Amino acid sequence: MFHERTKNIKIDYHFVREKLLDGLISLSYTPTRLQLANVLTKPLSGSFHHSVLSKFGVQTPTNLKGVLDLTLRHLS
């Protein structure tokens, strides 16, 4: 049965499969615990959450406060 919602998934699947068979891309396994997208989709422990955020380059609130203080001093 065809569903409109699955059309794009099927197109993406066949595109990736074709490129894989052509040797243009290679796929490798990434364990769930190393998936950076998990920070957006799953509840994570505090330490893992901060670890992933640092990989994205997100600064902690204390770092942001320091940046804000320096910016405000520069503007004064």
N, C-alpha and C. Protein backbone atom coordinates (compact mmCIF):
# COMPACT_ATOMS: atom_id res chain seq x y z
N MET A 1 0.85 -1.17 0.00
CA MET A 1 0.00 0.00 0.00
C MET A 1 0.90 1.24 0.00
N PHE A 2 0.57 2.22 -0.81
CA PHE A 2 1.33 3.46 -0.91
C PHE A 2 0.74 4.51 0.02
N HIS A 3 1.59 5.16 0.77
CA HIS A 3 1.18 6.26 1.63
C HIS A 3 1.99 7.49 1.25
N GLU A 4 1.34 8.60 1.12
CA GLU A 4 2.01 9.85 0.74
C GLU A 4 3.12 10.19 1.73
N ARG A 5 2.92 9.86 2.99
CA ARG A 5 3.91 10.20 4.02
C ARG A 5 5.22 9.43 3.85
N THR A 6 5.17 8.27 3.23
CA THR A 6 6.38 7.45 3.08
C THR A 6 7.10 7.69 1.76
N LYS A 7 6.53 8.49 0.90
CA LYS A 7 7.12 8.70 -0.43
C LYS A 7 8.56 9.23 -0.33
N ASN A 8 8.78 10.27 0.49
CA ASN A 8 10.11 10.87 0.60
C ASN A 8 11.12 9.90 1.22
N ILE A 9 10.67 9.09 2.15
CA ILE A 9 11.56 8.11 2.76
C ILE A 9 12.02 7.10 1.71
N LYS A 10 11.09 6.65 0.89
CA LYS A 10 11.44 5.69 -0.16
C LYS A 10 12.41 6.30 -1.17
N ILE A 11 12.19 7.56 -1.54
CA ILE A 11 13.08 8.24 -2.48
C ILE A 11 14.47 8.36 -1.86
N ASP A 12 14.56 8.79 -0.60
CA ASP A 12 15.85 8.94 0.08
C ASP A 12 16.56 7.59 0.19
N TYR A 13 15.82 6.56 0.55
CA TYR A 13 16.39 5.23 0.70
C TYR A 13 17.02 4.77 -0.61
N HIS A 14 16.29 4.91 -1.69
CA HIS A 14 16.80 4.45 -2.99
C HIS A 14 17.98 5.30 -3.46
N PHE A 15 17.96 6.59 -3.18
CA PHE A 15 19.08 7.46 -3.54
C PHE A 15 20.35 7.04 -2.81
N VAL A 16 20.25 6.86 -1.50
CA VAL A 16 21.41 6.46 -0.71
C VAL A 16 21.89 5.09 -1.13
N ARG A 17 20.97 4.17 -1.34
CA ARG A 17 21.34 2.81 -1.76
C ARG A 17 22.09 2.84 -3.09
N GLU A 18 21.61 3.65 -4.02
CA GLU A 18 22.27 3.76 -5.33
C GLU A 18 23.69 4.30 -5.19
N LYS A 19 23.87 5.34 -4.40
CA LYS A 19 25.20 5.93 -4.20
C LYS A 19 26.13 4.95 -3.49
N LEU A 20 25.58 4.16 -2.58
CA LEU A 20 26.38 3.16 -1.89
C LEU A 20 26.85 2.09 -2.87
N LEU A 21 25.95 1.61 -3.71
CA LEU A 21 26.31 0.59 -4.69
C LEU A 21 27.29 1.12 -5.74
N ASP A 22 27.20 2.42 -6.05
CA ASP A 22 28.13 3.04 -6.99
C ASP A 22 29.51 3.29 -6.37
N GLY A 23 29.61 3.11 -5.06
CA GLY A 23 30.88 3.33 -4.37
C GLY A 23 31.18 4.79 -4.09
N LEU A 24 30.18 5.66 -4.24
CA LEU A 24 30.40 7.10 -4.00
C LEU A 24 30.35 7.47 -2.53
N ILE A 25 29.69 6.65 -1.73
CA ILE A 25 29.64 6.88 -0.29
C ILE A 25 29.90 5.57 0.43
N SER A 26 30.27 5.68 1.68
CA SER A 26 30.37 4.49 2.51
C SER A 26 29.62 4.77 3.81
N LEU A 27 29.04 3.76 4.36
CA LEU A 27 28.28 3.89 5.59
C LEU A 27 29.02 3.18 6.70
N SER A 28 28.99 3.75 7.87
CA SER A 28 29.61 3.10 9.01
C SER A 28 28.66 3.14 10.20
N TYR A 29 28.78 2.16 11.05
CA TYR A 29 27.93 2.04 12.22
C TYR A 29 28.36 3.05 13.28
N THR A 30 27.40 3.72 13.88
CA THR A 30 27.66 4.61 15.00
C THR A 30 26.77 4.16 16.15
N PRO A 31 27.37 3.79 17.27
CA PRO A 31 26.56 3.34 18.41
C PRO A 31 25.60 4.45 18.87
N THR A 32 24.48 4.05 19.41
CA THR A 32 23.47 5.01 19.86
C THR A 32 24.07 6.04 20.82
N ARG A 33 24.95 5.60 21.69
CA ARG A 33 25.50 6.53 22.70
C ARG A 33 26.36 7.62 22.07
N LEU A 34 26.76 7.46 20.81
CA LEU A 34 27.58 8.47 20.14
C LEU A 34 26.79 9.31 19.13
N GLN A 35 25.50 9.07 19.03
CA GLN A 35 24.66 9.82 18.09
C GLN A 35 24.41 11.22 18.66
N LEU A 36 24.95 12.23 18.02
CA LEU A 36 24.80 13.60 18.52
C LEU A 36 23.35 14.08 18.44
N ALA A 37 22.58 13.55 17.51
CA ALA A 37 21.17 13.95 17.38
C ALA A 37 20.36 13.57 18.61
N ASN A 38 20.86 12.66 19.43
CA ASN A 38 20.13 12.24 20.62
C ASN A 38 19.85 13.40 21.56
N VAL A 39 20.67 14.42 21.55
CA VAL A 39 20.45 15.56 22.43
C VAL A 39 19.14 16.25 22.06
N LEU A 40 18.68 16.08 20.84
CA LEU A 40 17.44 16.71 20.39
C LEU A 40 16.23 15.78 20.51
N THR A 41 16.46 14.48 20.70
CA THR A 41 15.36 13.53 20.63
C THR A 41 15.17 12.66 21.87
N LYS A 42 16.14 12.62 22.77
CA LYS A 42 16.06 11.70 23.91
C LYS A 42 16.48 12.39 25.20
N PRO A 43 15.93 11.93 26.33
CA PRO A 43 16.43 12.45 27.60
C PRO A 43 17.82 11.87 27.87
N LEU A 44 18.76 12.72 28.24
CA LEU A 44 20.13 12.28 28.47
C LEU A 44 20.56 12.63 29.88
N SER A 45 21.55 11.92 30.40
CA SER A 45 22.10 12.27 31.71
C SER A 45 22.78 13.63 31.58
N GLY A 46 22.92 14.31 32.71
CA GLY A 46 23.52 15.64 32.70
C GLY A 46 24.90 15.68 32.08
N SER A 47 25.76 14.74 32.45
CA SER A 47 27.12 14.76 31.94
C SER A 47 27.17 14.49 30.43
N PHE A 48 26.34 13.54 29.96
CA PHE A 48 26.33 13.25 28.53
C PHE A 48 25.74 14.42 27.77
N HIS A 49 24.69 15.04 28.32
CA HIS A 49 24.06 16.21 27.70
C HIS A 49 25.10 17.32 27.50
N HIS A 50 25.87 17.62 28.53
CA HIS A 50 26.88 18.67 28.45
C HIS A 50 28.00 18.28 27.48
N SER A 51 28.34 17.01 27.44
CA SER A 51 29.36 16.53 26.51
C SER A 51 28.93 16.75 25.07
N VAL A 52 27.69 16.41 24.77
CA VAL A 52 27.18 16.59 23.40
C VAL A 52 27.08 18.07 23.06
N LEU A 53 26.59 18.88 23.99
CA LEU A 53 26.49 20.31 23.73
C LEU A 53 27.86 20.93 23.44
N SER A 54 28.89 20.48 24.15
CA SER A 54 30.23 21.02 23.89
C SER A 54 30.72 20.63 22.50
N LYS A 55 30.35 19.44 22.03
CA LYS A 55 30.72 19.03 20.67
C LYS A 55 30.04 19.91 19.62
N PHE A 56 28.84 20.41 19.95
CA PHE A 56 28.13 21.33 19.06
C PHE A 56 28.67 22.75 19.17
N GLY A 57 29.51 23.01 20.17
CA GLY A 57 30.06 24.35 20.36
C GLY A 57 29.16 25.26 21.17
N VAL A 58 28.18 24.68 21.87
CA VAL A 58 27.28 25.46 22.70
C VAL A 58 28.00 25.80 23.99
N GLN A 59 27.96 27.07 24.35
CA GLN A 59 28.67 27.49 25.56
C GLN A 59 27.77 27.35 26.78
N THR A 60 28.39 27.10 27.92
CA THR A 60 27.64 26.99 29.17
C THR A 60 27.23 28.39 29.62
N PRO A 61 26.20 28.49 30.45
CA PRO A 61 25.77 29.81 30.92
C PRO A 61 26.89 30.60 31.59
N THR A 62 27.79 29.95 32.32
CA THR A 62 28.88 30.69 32.95
C THR A 62 29.82 31.27 31.89
N ASN A 63 30.07 30.53 30.83
CA ASN A 63 30.89 31.07 29.74
C ASN A 63 30.18 32.23 29.06
N LEU A 64 28.88 32.11 28.89
CA LEU A 64 28.12 33.17 28.24
C LEU A 64 28.13 34.44 29.08
N LYS A 65 28.06 34.28 30.40
CA LYS A 65 28.11 35.45 31.27
C LYS A 65 29.43 36.18 31.09
N GLY A 66 30.52 35.44 31.02
CA GLY A 66 31.82 36.06 30.81
C GLY A 66 31.89 36.77 29.47
N VAL A 67 31.33 36.18 28.46
CA VAL A 67 31.30 36.80 27.13
C VAL A 67 30.45 38.06 27.17
N LEU A 68 29.31 38.00 27.85
CA LEU A 68 28.45 39.17 27.96
C LEU A 68 29.14 40.30 28.71
N ASP A 69 29.81 39.98 29.81
CA ASP A 69 30.52 40.99 30.57
C ASP A 69 31.57 41.68 29.71
N LEU A 70 32.34 40.90 28.95
CA LEU A 70 33.37 41.49 28.09
C LEU A 70 32.74 42.35 27.00
N THR A 71 31.64 41.89 26.44
CA THR A 71 30.96 42.64 25.39
C THR A 71 30.43 43.96 25.93
N LEU A 72 29.82 43.91 27.10
CA LEU A 72 29.27 45.14 27.70
C LEU A 72 30.38 46.12 28.05
N ARG A 73 31.50 45.63 28.54
CA ARG A 73 32.64 46.52 28.84
C ARG A 73 33.16 47.17 27.57
N HIS A 74 33.20 46.39 26.50
CA HIS A 74 33.70 46.90 25.22
C HIS A 74 32.76 47.98 24.67
N LEU A 75 31.45 47.83 24.87
CA LEU A 75 30.48 48.79 24.35
C LEU A 75 30.43 50.06 25.18
N SER A 76 30.87 50.01 26.45
CA SER A 76 30.80 51.19 27.33
C SER A 76 31.83 52.24 26.97
